[in-house]
N, C-alpha and C. Protein backbone atom coordinates (compact mmCIF):
# COMPACT_ATOMS: atom_id res chain seq x y z
N MET A 1 97.89 54.00 192.29
CA MET A 1 99.21 53.96 191.95
C MET A 1 99.33 53.22 190.50
N GLU A 2 98.81 52.42 190.60
CA GLU A 2 99.45 51.47 189.42
C GLU A 2 98.98 52.29 188.12
N ASN A 3 97.72 52.96 188.11
CA ASN A 3 97.47 53.53 186.90
C ASN A 3 98.20 54.87 186.50
N PHE A 4 99.00 55.38 187.63
CA PHE A 4 99.66 56.28 187.75
C PHE A 4 100.75 55.99 187.10
N LEU A 5 101.49 54.75 187.40
CA LEU A 5 102.64 54.24 186.74
C LEU A 5 102.99 54.11 185.52
N HIS A 6 101.65 53.17 185.31
CA HIS A 6 101.15 52.48 183.65
C HIS A 6 101.05 54.05 182.81
N ILE A 7 100.78 54.84 183.01
CA ILE A 7 100.28 56.30 182.61
C ILE A 7 101.55 57.11 182.10
N ALA A 8 102.40 56.72 183.61
CA ALA A 8 103.79 57.73 182.98
C ALA A 8 105.11 57.19 182.38
N ALA A 9 104.68 55.48 182.29
CA ALA A 9 105.44 54.93 181.19
C ALA A 9 104.98 54.76 179.84
N VAL A 10 103.32 54.98 179.61
CA VAL A 10 102.92 55.17 178.30
C VAL A 10 104.10 56.52 177.88
N TRP A 11 103.94 57.47 178.91
CA TRP A 11 104.17 58.58 177.99
C TRP A 11 105.62 59.06 178.20
N LEU A 12 106.47 57.97 178.99
CA LEU A 12 107.80 58.10 178.86
C LEU A 12 108.24 57.43 177.54
N HIS A 13 107.49 56.38 177.27
CA HIS A 13 107.53 55.62 175.93
C HIS A 13 107.29 56.61 174.76
N VAL A 14 106.12 57.32 174.61
CA VAL A 14 105.76 57.98 173.72
C VAL A 14 106.71 59.17 173.51
N LEU A 15 107.31 59.92 174.56
CA LEU A 15 108.39 60.54 174.65
C LEU A 15 109.73 60.46 173.98
N GLY A 16 110.15 59.14 174.30
CA GLY A 16 111.14 58.47 173.64
C GLY A 16 111.05 58.54 171.91
N ILE A 17 109.80 57.74 171.78
CA ILE A 17 109.82 57.64 170.05
C ILE A 17 109.34 59.24 169.73
N ALA A 18 108.94 60.01 170.09
CA ALA A 18 108.99 61.42 169.76
C ALA A 18 110.27 61.98 169.19
N LEU A 19 111.28 61.76 170.41
CA LEU A 19 112.86 62.10 170.48
C LEU A 19 113.65 61.19 169.40
N PHE A 20 113.05 60.06 169.22
CA PHE A 20 113.82 59.07 168.13
C PHE A 20 113.35 59.21 166.95
N VAL A 21 112.54 59.65 166.33
CA VAL A 21 111.62 59.68 165.27
C VAL A 21 111.62 61.03 164.94
N GLY A 22 111.35 62.17 165.64
CA GLY A 22 111.31 63.20 165.39
C GLY A 22 112.33 63.96 164.76
N PRO A 23 113.84 63.39 165.19
CA PRO A 23 114.97 64.09 164.08
C PRO A 23 114.97 63.21 162.83
N GLN A 24 114.56 62.12 162.81
CA GLN A 24 114.71 61.64 161.69
C GLN A 24 114.14 61.90 160.31
N PHE A 25 112.86 62.72 160.88
CA PHE A 25 112.19 63.36 159.96
C PHE A 25 112.62 64.70 159.70
N PHE A 26 113.23 65.46 160.87
CA PHE A 26 113.72 66.65 160.57
C PHE A 26 114.69 66.66 159.55
N LEU A 27 115.87 65.70 159.69
CA LEU A 27 117.04 65.44 158.96
C LEU A 27 116.75 65.12 157.61
N ALA A 28 115.82 64.15 157.54
CA ALA A 28 115.58 64.13 156.17
C ALA A 28 114.63 64.85 155.19
N PHE A 29 113.76 65.44 155.87
CA PHE A 29 113.10 66.47 154.96
C PHE A 29 113.44 68.13 155.23
N ALA A 30 113.94 67.88 156.11
CA ALA A 30 114.38 69.56 156.19
C ALA A 30 115.54 70.05 156.43
N TRP A 31 116.76 69.09 156.81
CA TRP A 31 118.05 69.37 156.90
C TRP A 31 118.75 69.40 155.80
N VAL A 32 118.62 68.18 155.00
CA VAL A 32 119.29 67.87 154.02
C VAL A 32 119.14 68.52 152.65
N PRO A 33 117.93 68.56 152.71
CA PRO A 33 117.44 69.81 151.02
C PRO A 33 118.33 71.22 151.71
N ALA A 34 117.74 71.55 153.05
CA ALA A 34 117.54 73.19 153.30
C ALA A 34 119.55 73.25 153.41
N SER A 35 120.37 72.20 153.79
CA SER A 35 121.72 72.16 153.33
C SER A 35 122.40 72.05 152.25
N ARG A 36 121.81 72.21 151.66
CA ARG A 36 122.06 72.00 149.70
C ARG A 36 122.37 73.69 149.55
N GLN A 37 121.69 74.37 149.97
CA GLN A 37 121.45 76.09 150.01
C GLN A 37 123.16 76.67 150.66
N ILE A 38 123.54 75.77 151.36
CA ILE A 38 124.81 76.71 151.96
C ILE A 38 125.94 75.87 150.79
N GLU A 39 126.68 77.03 150.03
CA GLU A 39 127.57 76.78 148.72
C GLU A 39 128.86 76.42 149.53
N ASP A 40 129.41 77.27 150.40
CA ASP A 40 130.49 76.53 151.30
C ASP A 40 130.55 75.40 151.88
N MET A 41 131.37 74.82 151.39
CA MET A 41 131.43 73.06 151.30
C MET A 41 131.86 73.26 153.12
N GLN A 42 132.80 74.01 153.17
CA GLN A 42 133.37 73.42 154.66
C GLN A 42 132.51 73.90 155.53
N THR A 43 131.39 75.45 155.10
CA THR A 43 130.88 75.17 156.58
C THR A 43 129.46 74.42 156.50
N ARG A 44 129.24 73.78 155.03
CA ARG A 44 127.82 73.05 155.27
C ARG A 44 128.34 71.42 155.99
N VAL A 45 129.55 71.17 155.80
CA VAL A 45 130.10 69.79 156.89
C VAL A 45 129.96 70.54 158.24
N ALA A 46 130.74 71.35 158.20
CA ALA A 46 130.73 71.49 159.77
C ALA A 46 129.27 71.70 160.06
N ALA A 47 128.23 72.08 159.98
CA ALA A 47 126.83 72.16 160.16
C ALA A 47 126.01 71.17 160.56
N MET A 48 126.81 70.18 159.02
CA MET A 48 126.35 69.15 159.14
C MET A 48 126.76 68.10 160.26
N ARG A 49 128.29 68.22 160.76
CA ARG A 49 128.29 67.35 161.69
C ARG A 49 128.02 67.90 163.06
N THR A 50 127.88 68.87 162.94
CA THR A 50 127.10 69.34 164.29
C THR A 50 125.74 69.27 164.47
N ILE A 51 124.52 69.25 163.54
CA ILE A 51 123.91 69.24 163.92
C ILE A 51 123.56 67.49 163.79
N THR A 52 124.06 66.92 163.07
CA THR A 52 123.84 65.01 163.06
C THR A 52 124.29 64.69 164.51
N THR A 53 125.54 64.84 165.01
CA THR A 53 125.92 64.75 166.24
C THR A 53 124.92 65.19 167.53
N ARG A 54 123.95 66.12 167.37
CA ARG A 54 123.18 66.35 168.43
C ARG A 54 122.26 66.03 168.14
N PHE A 55 121.75 65.85 166.97
CA PHE A 55 120.54 64.97 167.00
C PHE A 55 120.39 63.43 166.97
N GLY A 56 122.03 62.84 167.29
CA GLY A 56 122.23 61.66 167.56
C GLY A 56 122.44 61.41 168.92
N TRP A 57 122.17 62.23 169.86
CA TRP A 57 122.22 62.45 170.86
C TRP A 57 120.84 62.46 171.35
N ILE A 58 119.80 63.19 170.73
CA ILE A 58 118.92 63.60 170.81
C ILE A 58 117.94 62.14 171.27
N GLY A 59 118.31 61.03 169.48
CA GLY A 59 118.05 59.86 169.43
C GLY A 59 118.16 59.32 170.64
N GLY A 60 119.36 59.35 171.09
CA GLY A 60 119.85 58.46 171.68
C GLY A 60 119.28 58.44 173.10
N ILE A 61 118.86 59.45 173.60
CA ILE A 61 118.06 59.89 174.94
C ILE A 61 116.49 59.28 174.53
N GLY A 62 116.22 59.30 173.47
CA GLY A 62 114.76 58.82 173.28
C GLY A 62 114.89 57.32 173.32
N LEU A 63 115.72 56.73 172.74
CA LEU A 63 115.83 55.56 172.45
C LEU A 63 115.77 54.58 174.36
N LEU A 64 116.30 55.54 175.06
CA LEU A 64 116.61 54.96 176.41
C LEU A 64 115.14 54.98 177.10
N LEU A 65 114.57 56.16 176.95
CA LEU A 65 113.09 56.68 177.06
C LEU A 65 112.46 55.23 176.70
N ILE A 66 112.47 55.09 175.70
CA ILE A 66 111.50 54.05 175.08
C ILE A 66 111.97 52.96 175.98
N LEU A 67 113.53 52.50 176.31
CA LEU A 67 113.52 51.28 176.69
C LEU A 67 112.97 51.10 178.32
N ILE A 68 113.08 52.48 178.86
CA ILE A 68 113.00 52.76 180.40
C ILE A 68 111.02 52.39 180.55
N GLY A 69 110.45 53.25 179.33
CA GLY A 69 108.90 53.02 179.21
C GLY A 69 108.53 51.50 179.28
N GLY A 70 108.99 51.25 178.19
CA GLY A 70 108.62 49.82 177.18
C GLY A 70 109.07 48.92 178.57
N THR A 71 110.13 48.78 179.09
CA THR A 71 110.10 47.63 180.18
C THR A 71 109.62 48.02 181.30
N TYR A 72 109.03 48.80 181.68
CA TYR A 72 108.14 48.70 182.71
C TYR A 72 106.36 48.71 182.20
N LEU A 73 106.51 48.35 181.00
CA LEU A 73 104.83 48.19 180.28
C LEU A 73 104.99 46.85 180.28
N ILE A 74 106.00 46.15 179.41
CA ILE A 74 106.26 44.67 178.94
C ILE A 74 106.00 44.02 180.47
N MET A 75 106.90 44.60 181.74
CA MET A 75 107.02 43.73 182.81
C MET A 75 105.45 43.66 183.71
N THR A 76 104.75 44.85 183.38
CA THR A 76 103.27 44.78 184.07
C THR A 76 102.11 44.60 183.25
N TRP A 77 102.22 43.94 181.76
CA TRP A 77 101.16 44.03 181.25
C TRP A 77 100.02 43.11 181.62
N ARG A 78 100.58 41.79 182.20
CA ARG A 78 99.23 40.80 182.56
C ARG A 78 98.78 41.06 183.74
N ASP A 79 99.40 42.41 184.60
CA ASP A 79 98.55 42.30 185.76
C ASP A 79 97.44 43.65 185.21
N TYR A 80 98.20 44.47 184.54
CA TYR A 80 97.73 46.00 184.05
C TYR A 80 96.51 45.14 183.57
N HIS A 81 96.44 44.39 182.50
CA HIS A 81 95.40 43.89 181.55
C HIS A 81 94.50 42.80 182.33
N ASN A 82 94.81 42.40 183.73
CA ASN A 82 93.89 41.74 184.36
C ASN A 82 93.87 40.36 183.55
N ILE A 83 95.17 39.96 183.23
CA ILE A 83 95.44 38.16 182.38
C ILE A 83 95.11 37.12 183.04
N VAL A 84 94.32 36.72 183.29
CA VAL A 84 94.22 35.10 183.89
C VAL A 84 95.38 34.26 183.90
N GLU A 85 95.75 33.86 185.33
CA GLU A 85 96.76 33.33 185.32
C GLU A 85 96.73 31.69 184.43
N GLY A 86 98.04 31.24 184.31
CA GLY A 86 97.77 30.18 183.15
C GLY A 86 98.00 30.47 182.01
N THR A 87 97.43 31.99 181.38
CA THR A 87 97.31 32.18 179.88
C THR A 87 98.71 32.27 179.36
N ALA A 88 99.36 31.71 178.79
CA ALA A 88 100.79 31.62 177.98
C ALA A 88 101.05 33.11 177.13
N PHE A 89 102.04 33.89 177.29
CA PHE A 89 102.20 34.66 176.56
C PHE A 89 101.53 35.32 174.84
N PHE A 90 102.35 33.85 174.45
CA PHE A 90 101.57 33.60 172.78
C PHE A 90 100.62 32.74 172.77
N ASP A 91 99.57 32.73 173.75
CA ASP A 91 98.03 32.21 173.73
C ASP A 91 97.10 33.57 172.92
N LEU A 92 98.26 34.81 173.31
CA LEU A 92 97.29 35.94 172.92
C LEU A 92 98.02 36.45 171.69
N ARG A 93 97.32 37.54 170.77
CA ARG A 93 97.86 38.60 169.67
C ARG A 93 99.17 39.31 170.48
N TYR A 94 98.60 39.56 171.64
CA TYR A 94 99.93 40.45 172.37
C TYR A 94 101.12 40.06 172.12
N GLY A 95 101.38 38.59 172.25
CA GLY A 95 102.57 38.16 172.83
C GLY A 95 103.27 38.14 171.84
N VAL A 96 102.67 37.64 170.34
CA VAL A 96 102.91 37.48 168.97
C VAL A 96 103.61 38.83 168.77
N VAL A 97 102.51 39.77 168.63
CA VAL A 97 102.93 41.05 168.09
C VAL A 97 104.18 42.03 168.63
N PHE A 98 104.11 41.47 169.88
CA PHE A 98 105.17 41.99 170.60
C PHE A 98 106.60 41.50 170.18
N VAL A 99 106.53 40.08 170.19
CA VAL A 99 107.87 39.67 169.30
C VAL A 99 108.09 39.91 168.26
N ILE A 100 107.27 40.03 167.17
CA ILE A 100 107.46 40.55 165.74
C ILE A 100 108.44 42.31 166.12
N LYS A 101 107.55 42.73 166.89
CA LYS A 101 107.61 44.48 167.28
C LYS A 101 109.42 44.47 167.47
N MET A 102 109.64 43.84 168.69
CA MET A 102 111.08 43.54 169.21
C MET A 102 111.81 43.33 168.14
N VAL A 103 111.93 41.92 167.26
CA VAL A 103 112.84 41.48 166.36
C VAL A 103 112.91 42.75 165.09
N VAL A 104 111.64 43.57 164.75
CA VAL A 104 111.44 44.94 163.61
C VAL A 104 112.66 45.69 164.38
N LEU A 105 112.67 45.89 165.51
CA LEU A 105 113.16 46.80 166.46
C LEU A 105 114.85 46.47 166.48
N VAL A 106 115.24 45.37 166.70
CA VAL A 106 116.48 45.16 166.48
C VAL A 106 116.92 45.67 165.08
N VAL A 107 116.17 44.84 164.15
CA VAL A 107 116.70 45.27 162.82
C VAL A 107 116.81 46.62 162.21
N MET A 108 115.86 47.51 162.78
CA MET A 108 116.19 48.90 162.54
C MET A 108 117.17 49.76 163.59
N ILE A 109 117.84 48.99 164.72
CA ILE A 109 118.40 49.55 165.48
C ILE A 109 120.04 48.98 164.78
N VAL A 110 120.02 48.12 164.53
CA VAL A 110 120.88 47.64 163.36
C VAL A 110 121.43 48.84 162.38
N LEU A 111 120.56 49.09 161.66
CA LEU A 111 120.53 50.04 160.33
C LEU A 111 120.73 51.07 160.64
N VAL A 112 120.42 51.79 161.81
CA VAL A 112 120.46 52.66 162.32
C VAL A 112 121.68 53.38 162.80
N GLY A 113 122.11 52.20 163.18
CA GLY A 113 123.88 52.25 164.09
C GLY A 113 124.66 52.30 162.78
N LEU A 114 124.36 51.29 161.82
CA LEU A 114 125.23 51.46 160.89
C LEU A 114 125.04 52.59 160.12
N HIS A 115 123.72 53.33 160.11
CA HIS A 115 124.02 54.72 159.48
C HIS A 115 124.61 55.73 160.47
N MET A 116 124.58 55.63 161.30
CA MET A 116 124.72 56.81 162.40
C MET A 116 126.12 56.73 162.90
N PHE A 117 127.06 55.02 162.60
CA PHE A 117 128.42 55.44 163.51
C PHE A 117 129.36 54.82 162.37
N VAL A 118 128.76 54.41 161.19
CA VAL A 118 129.80 53.81 159.82
C VAL A 118 129.69 54.75 158.55
N VAL A 119 128.22 54.84 158.18
CA VAL A 119 127.92 55.19 156.64
C VAL A 119 127.98 56.96 156.83
N GLY A 120 127.13 57.12 157.87
CA GLY A 120 127.16 58.83 158.00
C GLY A 120 128.39 59.52 158.20
N PRO A 121 129.31 59.11 159.27
CA PRO A 121 130.97 59.53 159.32
C PRO A 121 131.33 59.51 158.30
N SER A 122 131.50 58.46 157.24
CA SER A 122 132.66 58.45 156.26
C SER A 122 131.74 59.52 155.25
N GLN A 123 130.11 59.69 154.66
CA GLN A 123 129.73 60.46 153.91
C GLN A 123 130.50 61.60 154.71
N VAL A 124 130.19 62.14 155.74
CA VAL A 124 130.39 63.47 156.26
C VAL A 124 132.64 63.57 155.74
N ASP A 125 132.86 62.79 156.17
CA ASP A 125 134.36 62.70 155.95
C ASP A 125 134.88 62.75 154.86
N ALA A 126 134.02 62.18 153.83
CA ALA A 126 134.42 62.32 152.33
C ALA A 126 134.00 63.50 152.04
N MET A 127 132.96 64.44 152.40
CA MET A 127 132.43 65.77 152.11
C MET A 127 133.32 66.85 152.45
N GLU A 128 134.22 66.58 153.37
CA GLU A 128 134.81 67.32 154.23
C GLU A 128 136.39 67.19 153.34
N GLU A 129 136.80 66.30 152.88
CA GLU A 129 138.17 65.97 152.02
C GLU A 129 137.74 66.77 150.87
N ARG A 130 136.66 66.78 150.23
CA ARG A 130 136.13 67.64 148.81
C ARG A 130 136.09 68.61 149.33
N ALA A 131 136.00 69.01 150.60
CA ALA A 131 135.72 70.64 150.62
C ALA A 131 137.27 71.37 150.99
N ARG A 132 137.93 70.55 151.42
CA ARG A 132 139.51 70.66 151.54
C ARG A 132 140.18 70.47 150.12
N GLY A 133 139.35 70.32 149.21
CA GLY A 133 140.55 70.13 147.91
C GLY A 133 140.74 68.81 147.37
N GLU A 134 140.64 67.62 148.29
CA GLU A 134 141.18 66.56 148.21
C GLU A 134 140.52 65.72 146.94
N ASP A 135 141.00 64.70 146.32
CA ASP A 135 140.29 64.37 144.91
C ASP A 135 139.59 63.08 145.77
N VAL A 136 138.01 63.14 145.86
CA VAL A 136 137.32 62.13 146.09
C VAL A 136 136.17 61.87 144.81
N PRO A 137 137.02 60.25 144.40
CA PRO A 137 135.59 59.85 143.39
C PRO A 137 134.55 60.18 143.24
N ASP A 138 133.87 60.55 141.95
CA ASP A 138 132.23 60.63 142.30
C ASP A 138 131.63 59.42 142.60
N MET A 139 132.35 58.57 142.08
CA MET A 139 131.39 57.22 142.19
C MET A 139 131.18 56.76 143.48
N ARG A 140 132.45 57.12 144.59
CA ARG A 140 132.65 56.84 146.23
C ARG A 140 131.68 57.88 146.32
N MET A 141 131.42 58.86 146.27
CA MET A 141 130.70 59.92 146.99
C MET A 141 129.17 59.65 146.64
N ARG A 142 128.91 59.08 145.61
CA ARG A 142 128.01 58.65 145.02
C ARG A 142 127.36 57.50 145.73
N GLN A 143 128.23 56.37 145.76
CA GLN A 143 127.81 55.26 146.64
C GLN A 143 127.48 55.43 148.34
N ILE A 144 128.21 56.24 148.73
CA ILE A 144 128.05 56.67 150.18
C ILE A 144 126.26 57.46 150.23
N ARG A 145 126.54 58.26 149.35
CA ARG A 145 124.94 59.15 149.26
C ARG A 145 123.88 58.00 149.13
N ILE A 146 124.11 57.11 148.28
CA ILE A 146 122.87 56.13 148.19
C ILE A 146 122.74 55.21 149.32
N THR A 147 123.80 54.53 149.68
CA THR A 147 123.77 53.39 150.99
C THR A 147 122.84 54.52 152.46
N SER A 148 123.69 55.80 152.23
CA SER A 148 123.18 56.59 153.61
C SER A 148 121.55 56.66 153.09
N LEU A 149 121.20 57.11 151.81
CA LEU A 149 120.04 57.26 151.75
C LEU A 149 118.70 55.91 151.93
N VAL A 150 119.35 55.16 151.67
CA VAL A 150 118.62 53.77 152.15
C VAL A 150 118.85 53.41 153.37
N LEU A 151 119.84 53.26 153.56
CA LEU A 151 119.35 53.01 155.43
C LEU A 151 118.85 54.26 156.37
N SER A 152 118.94 55.40 155.66
CA SER A 152 117.65 56.14 156.41
C SER A 152 116.33 56.30 156.09
N ILE A 153 116.21 55.99 154.70
CA ILE A 153 114.50 55.76 154.78
C ILE A 153 113.95 54.35 155.05
N THR A 154 114.98 53.12 155.02
CA THR A 154 114.58 52.11 155.80
C THR A 154 114.29 51.90 157.13
N GLY A 155 115.41 52.60 157.90
CA GLY A 155 115.41 52.80 159.31
C GLY A 155 114.02 53.46 159.80
N LEU A 156 113.80 54.63 158.74
CA LEU A 156 112.59 55.51 159.01
C LEU A 156 111.47 54.65 159.09
N ILE A 157 111.21 54.09 157.99
CA ILE A 157 109.70 53.17 157.49
C ILE A 157 109.92 52.30 158.92
N LEU A 158 111.03 51.24 159.26
CA LEU A 158 110.94 50.44 160.44
C LEU A 158 110.29 50.94 161.57
N ALA A 159 110.82 52.08 162.11
CA ALA A 159 110.30 53.26 163.11
C ALA A 159 108.84 53.40 163.15
N LEU A 160 108.25 53.73 161.79
CA LEU A 160 107.11 53.49 161.39
C LEU A 160 106.23 52.40 161.81
N VAL A 161 106.68 51.18 161.06
CA VAL A 161 106.33 49.58 161.65
C VAL A 161 106.24 49.60 162.47
N ILE A 162 107.28 49.84 163.57
CA ILE A 162 107.30 49.46 164.81
C ILE A 162 106.24 50.55 165.85
N MET A 163 106.11 51.50 165.31
CA MET A 163 104.91 52.27 166.26
C MET A 163 103.73 51.87 165.92
N GLY A 164 103.23 51.16 164.60
CA GLY A 164 102.03 50.55 164.52
C GLY A 164 101.61 49.60 165.08
N PHE A 165 102.84 48.77 165.06
CA PHE A 165 102.65 47.51 166.28
C PHE A 165 102.66 47.73 167.84
N GLY A 166 103.34 49.19 167.63
CA GLY A 166 103.25 49.59 169.52
C GLY A 166 101.54 49.77 169.28
N VAL A 167 100.91 50.80 168.59
CA VAL A 167 99.69 51.06 168.39
C VAL A 167 98.47 49.39 169.10
N SER A 168 98.79 48.66 168.25
CA SER A 168 98.00 47.56 168.17
C SER A 168 98.37 46.88 169.54
N LEU A 169 99.63 46.78 169.69
CA LEU A 169 99.37 46.22 171.15
C LEU A 169 98.40 47.42 172.44
N GLY A 170 98.18 48.48 172.14
CA GLY A 170 97.03 49.29 173.02
C GLY A 170 96.09 48.81 172.75
N ALA A 171 95.85 48.15 171.75
CA ALA A 171 93.81 48.42 171.05
C ALA A 171 93.82 46.94 172.09
N THR A 172 93.52 47.27 172.94
CA THR A 172 93.40 45.42 174.02
C THR A 172 92.35 44.59 172.87
N GLU A 173 91.03 45.15 172.50
CA GLU A 173 90.10 44.34 171.80
C GLU A 173 90.72 43.48 170.79
N TYR A 174 91.93 43.83 170.35
CA TYR A 174 92.58 43.17 169.20
C TYR A 174 93.28 42.03 169.84
N SER A 175 94.38 43.23 170.55
CA SER A 175 95.66 42.23 171.30
C SER A 175 95.70 41.47 171.88
N LEU A 176 94.46 41.17 173.07
CA LEU A 176 94.15 40.38 174.11
C LEU A 176 93.52 39.32 173.50
N LYS A 177 93.08 39.02 172.40
CA LYS A 177 92.58 37.84 171.76
C LYS A 177 93.00 36.94 171.79
N ASP A 178 92.63 35.59 171.30
CA ASP A 178 93.14 34.39 171.21
C ASP A 178 94.10 34.48 170.34
N PHE A 179 94.95 33.75 170.17
CA PHE A 179 96.16 33.83 169.25
C PHE A 179 95.98 32.81 167.98
């Protein structure tokens, strides 16, 4: 039963990662360039708002699955890997890498949250204002676009770094060595 639960937790964790990271790649490399082909600005903004909202929900579900699977994995890591009683968490690379991974995760979530709840909506709102014919200064649009791009790329890079840390935790010959 222990192996089944471990496999299920890893599967949930990986599924969550796919649901969280996949939409980021799609939005960055497929939707944003493709949306520029939509000449009618009101149609583009409506599509942008719908797609980003739905992908936000998918990413949120992904984060929830990551949390569920990851919580089980960290709660049972000592038993699963047969760690000798008395071995402290930070005596092994596992503990150090895990804490670094969690710190990077918190930074990534803050950046993604800032993008998702502040910068992204303000960018779509500004695009919507322009579509209605309101005067939105080019400098404001440029600043929002650059901020959005920086947050998106940084968040995606951090997600990939976190994935690398996660893979290293799974490499027991590396992670279960003394630090």
